[in-house]
Amino acid sequence: MAFLKFILITFAVYFVVRFLFKLFLPFAMRKAAEKLMKKAQQQGGAYGSQGSGGTFYYEFNGQGQQESKRSQPEGKVHVDYIPPKESPERKGTETAGEFVDFEEIK
C-alpha cells in the first residue's frame, strides 16, 4: 500500500511541476530576452519592434567603433599585424612522401 501511495504522489508532483513549467517558462524566457536586449542596447545598438508579432531585430550603428577610427584621415590604412613570410613551398615529389612501386594483379 505504501508503494502505491509513493507512486501516486510521484505522479502528482510530476504533473504539477510540468504544469508550472508550462505556465512560468514563457514569462522567464521573455524576461531573459528583455534583459539581454537592454544590455545590448546599452553597448551601442538600437532595437525596434517589427510588426504586431512582437519580433525584435537588432541594428548596430557602430558609434563606438567609428569614433575611434575618425582620428585617422579618410583613405589611409593602418595594419596592426603582418604575418612573417614563409619559406617557399616545395612542390611535386619533394612533399609527397615515400612512394612504393606496385604491380596490378589480375
C-alpha atoms as a PDB file:
ATOM      1  CA  MET A   1       0.000   0.000   0.000  1.00  0.00           C
ATOM      2  CA  ALA A   2       2.881   2.403   0.785  1.00  0.00           C
ATOM      3  CA  PHE A   3       4.414   1.741  -2.639  1.00  0.00           C
ATOM      4  CA  LEU A   4       1.150   2.609  -4.383  1.00  0.00           C
ATOM      5  CA  LYS A   5       0.899   5.817  -2.329  1.00  0.00           C
ATOM      6  CA  PHE A   6       4.506   6.716  -3.275  1.00  0.00           C
ATOM      7  CA  ILE A   7       3.810   6.216  -6.988  1.00  0.00           C
ATOM      8  CA  LEU A   8       0.596   8.270  -6.786  1.00  0.00           C
ATOM      9  CA  ILE A   9       2.369  11.160  -5.032  1.00  0.00           C
ATOM     10  CA  THR A  10       5.273  10.975  -7.527  1.00  0.00           C
ATOM     11  CA  PHE A  11       2.908  11.251 -10.495  1.00  0.00           C
ATOM     12  CA  ALA A  12       1.030  14.122  -8.852  1.00  0.00           C
ATOM     13  CA  VAL A  13       4.257  16.048  -8.199  1.00  0.00           C
ATOM     14  CA  TYR A  14       5.450  15.356 -11.744  1.00  0.00           C
ATOM     15  CA  PHE A  15       2.279  16.750 -13.336  1.00  0.00           C
ATOM     16  CA  VAL A  16       2.186  19.791 -11.033  1.00  0.00           C
ATOM     17  CA  VAL A  17       5.815  20.643 -11.808  1.00  0.00           C
ATOM     18  CA  ARG A  18       5.185  20.126 -15.517  1.00  0.00           C
ATOM     19  CA  PHE A  19       2.166  22.441 -15.384  1.00  0.00           C
ATOM     20  CA  LEU A  20       4.130  25.110 -13.507  1.00  0.00           C
ATOM     21  CA  PHE A  21       6.958  24.961 -16.064  1.00  0.00           C
ATOM     22  CA  LYS A  22       4.471  25.447 -18.894  1.00  0.00           C
ATOM     23  CA  LEU A  23       2.978  28.372 -17.010  1.00  0.00           C
ATOM     24  CA  PHE A  24       6.142  30.211 -15.928  1.00  0.00           C
ATOM     25  CA  LEU A  25       8.744  29.267 -18.557  1.00  0.00           C
ATOM     26  CA  PRO A  26       7.463  31.669 -21.263  1.00  0.00           C
ATOM     27  CA  PHE A  27       7.435  34.504 -18.722  1.00  0.00           C
ATOM     28  CA  ALA A  28      11.001  33.702 -17.629  1.00  0.00           C
ATOM     29  CA  MET A  29      12.231  33.474 -21.228  1.00  0.00           C
ATOM     30  CA  ARG A  30      10.616  36.811 -22.095  1.00  0.00           C
ATOM     31  CA  LYS A  31      12.297  38.473 -19.102  1.00  0.00           C
ATOM     32  CA  ALA A  32      15.664  36.963 -20.033  1.00  0.00           C
ATOM     33  CA  ALA A  33      15.305  38.192 -23.636  1.00  0.00           C
ATOM     34  CA  GLU A  34      14.388  41.692 -22.446  1.00  0.00           C
ATOM     35  CA  LYS A  35      17.401  41.716 -20.149  1.00  0.00           C
ATOM     36  CA  LEU A  36      19.733  40.683 -22.993  1.00  0.00           C
ATOM     37  CA  MET A  37      18.250  43.295 -25.318  1.00  0.00           C
ATOM     38  CA  LYS A  38      18.641  46.014 -22.705  1.00  0.00           C
ATOM     39  CA  LYS A  39      22.269  45.020 -22.155  1.00  0.00           C
ATOM     40  CA  ALA A  40      22.987  45.071 -25.906  1.00  0.00           C
ATOM     41  CA  GLN A  41      21.240  48.409 -26.269  1.00  0.00           C
ATOM     42  CA  GLN A  42      23.451  49.943 -23.604  1.00  0.00           C
ATOM     43  CA  GLN A  43      26.502  48.764 -25.552  1.00  0.00           C
ATOM     44  CA  GLY A  44      25.587  50.861 -28.569  1.00  0.00           C
ATOM     45  CA  GLY A  45      22.837  49.172 -30.547  1.00  0.00           C
ATOM     46  CA  ALA A  46      19.265  50.172 -31.264  1.00  0.00           C
ATOM     47  CA  TYR A  47      16.180  47.994 -31.033  1.00  0.00           C
ATOM     48  CA  GLY A  48      12.916  48.242 -32.826  1.00  0.00           C
ATOM     49  CA  SER A  49       9.712  46.305 -32.864  1.00  0.00           C
ATOM     50  CA  GLN A  50       8.716  44.965 -36.234  1.00  0.00           C
ATOM     51  CA  GLY A  51       5.091  44.084 -36.903  1.00  0.00           C
ATOM     52  CA  SER A  52       2.467  43.105 -34.381  1.00  0.00           C
ATOM     53  CA  GLY A  53       4.012  39.695 -33.720  1.00  0.00           C
ATOM     54  CA  GLY A  54       6.438  41.135 -31.203  1.00  0.00           C
ATOM     55  CA  THR A  55       9.540  40.019 -33.087  1.00  0.00           C
ATOM     56  CA  PHE A  56      12.611  42.115 -32.490  1.00  0.00           C
ATOM     57  CA  TYR A  57      15.525  42.964 -34.679  1.00  0.00           C
ATOM     58  CA  TYR A  58      18.867  44.495 -33.812  1.00  0.00           C
ATOM     59  CA  GLU A  59      20.525  47.283 -35.741  1.00  0.00           C
ATOM     60  CA  PHE A  60      24.109  48.076 -34.885  1.00  0.00           C
ATOM     61  CA  ASN A  61      25.058  51.598 -35.738  1.00  0.00           C
ATOM     62  CA  GLY A  62      28.686  51.182 -34.662  1.00  0.00           C
ATOM     63  CA  GLN A  63      29.103  54.575 -32.965  1.00  0.00           C
ATOM     64  CA  GLY A  64      31.807  53.351 -30.614  1.00  0.00           C
ATOM     65  CA  GLN A  65      33.928  51.922 -33.413  1.00  0.00           C
ATOM     66  CA  GLN A  66      33.537  54.902 -35.722  1.00  0.00           C
ATOM     67  CA  GLU A  67      34.623  57.414 -33.095  1.00  0.00           C
ATOM     68  CA  SER A  68      37.967  55.696 -32.576  1.00  0.00           C
ATOM     69  CA  LYS A  69      38.643  55.442 -36.326  1.00  0.00           C
ATOM     70  CA  ARG A  70      37.843  59.098 -37.068  1.00  0.00           C
ATOM     71  CA  SER A  71      41.194  60.198 -35.677  1.00  0.00           C
ATOM     72  CA  GLN A  72      42.890  58.841 -38.830  1.00  0.00           C
ATOM     73  CA  PRO A  73      42.453  60.621 -42.143  1.00  0.00           C
ATOM     74  CA  GLU A  74      39.978  59.012 -44.512  1.00  0.00           C
ATOM     75  CA  GLY A  75      41.547  56.730 -47.097  1.00  0.00           C
ATOM     76  CA  LYS A  76      44.611  55.857 -45.021  1.00  0.00           C
ATOM     77  CA  VAL A  77      45.065  52.212 -44.000  1.00  0.00           C
ATOM     78  CA  HIS A  78      46.782  51.121 -40.801  1.00  0.00           C
ATOM     79  CA  VAL A  79      47.845  47.469 -40.461  1.00  0.00           C
ATOM     80  CA  ASP A  80      48.262  46.180 -36.908  1.00  0.00           C
ATOM     81  CA  TYR A  81      49.788  42.782 -37.720  1.00  0.00           C
ATOM     82  CA  ILE A  82      51.767  41.470 -40.659  1.00  0.00           C
ATOM     83  CA  PRO A  83      52.434  37.726 -40.571  1.00  0.00           C
ATOM     84  CA  PRO A  84      56.033  36.596 -41.125  1.00  0.00           C
ATOM     85  CA  LYS A  85      56.952  35.402 -44.609  1.00  0.00           C
ATOM     86  CA  GLU A  86      57.012  31.658 -45.007  1.00  0.00           C
ATOM     87  CA  SER A  87      59.714  29.698 -46.779  1.00  0.00           C
ATOM     88  CA  PRO A  88      58.936  28.866 -50.406  1.00  0.00           C
ATOM     89  CA  GLU A  89      56.686  25.859 -50.756  1.00  0.00           C
ATOM     90  CA  ARG A  90      58.158  22.626 -52.032  1.00  0.00           C
ATOM     91  CA  LYS A  91      56.128  21.139 -54.825  1.00  0.00           C
ATOM     92  CA  GLY A  92      55.927  17.813 -56.549  1.00  0.00           C
ATOM     93  CA  THR A  93      57.550  14.705 -55.206  1.00  0.00           C
ATOM     94  CA  GLU A  94      59.548  16.618 -52.592  1.00  0.00           C
ATOM     95  CA  THR A  95      56.473  16.994 -50.358  1.00  0.00           C
ATOM     96  CA  ALA A  96      54.583  13.865 -51.356  1.00  0.00           C
ATOM     97  CA  GLY A  97      56.495  11.454 -49.159  1.00  0.00           C
ATOM     98  CA  GLU A  98      57.757   7.986 -49.965  1.00  0.00           C
ATOM     99  CA  PHE A  99      56.389   6.103 -52.981  1.00  0.00           C
ATOM    100  CA  VAL A 100      56.147   2.327 -53.177  1.00  0.00           C
ATOM    101  CA  ASP A 101      56.161   0.601 -56.548  1.00  0.00           C
ATOM    102  CA  PHE A 102      53.413  -1.928 -57.060  1.00  0.00           C
ATOM    103  CA  GLU A 103      52.113  -4.226 -59.743  1.00  0.00           C
ATOM    104  CA  GLU A 104      48.458  -4.739 -60.502  1.00  0.00           C
ATOM    105  CA  ILE A 105      47.483  -8.403 -60.311  1.00  0.00           C
ATOM    106  CA  LYS A 106      44.525  -9.573 -62.397  1.00  0.00           C
END
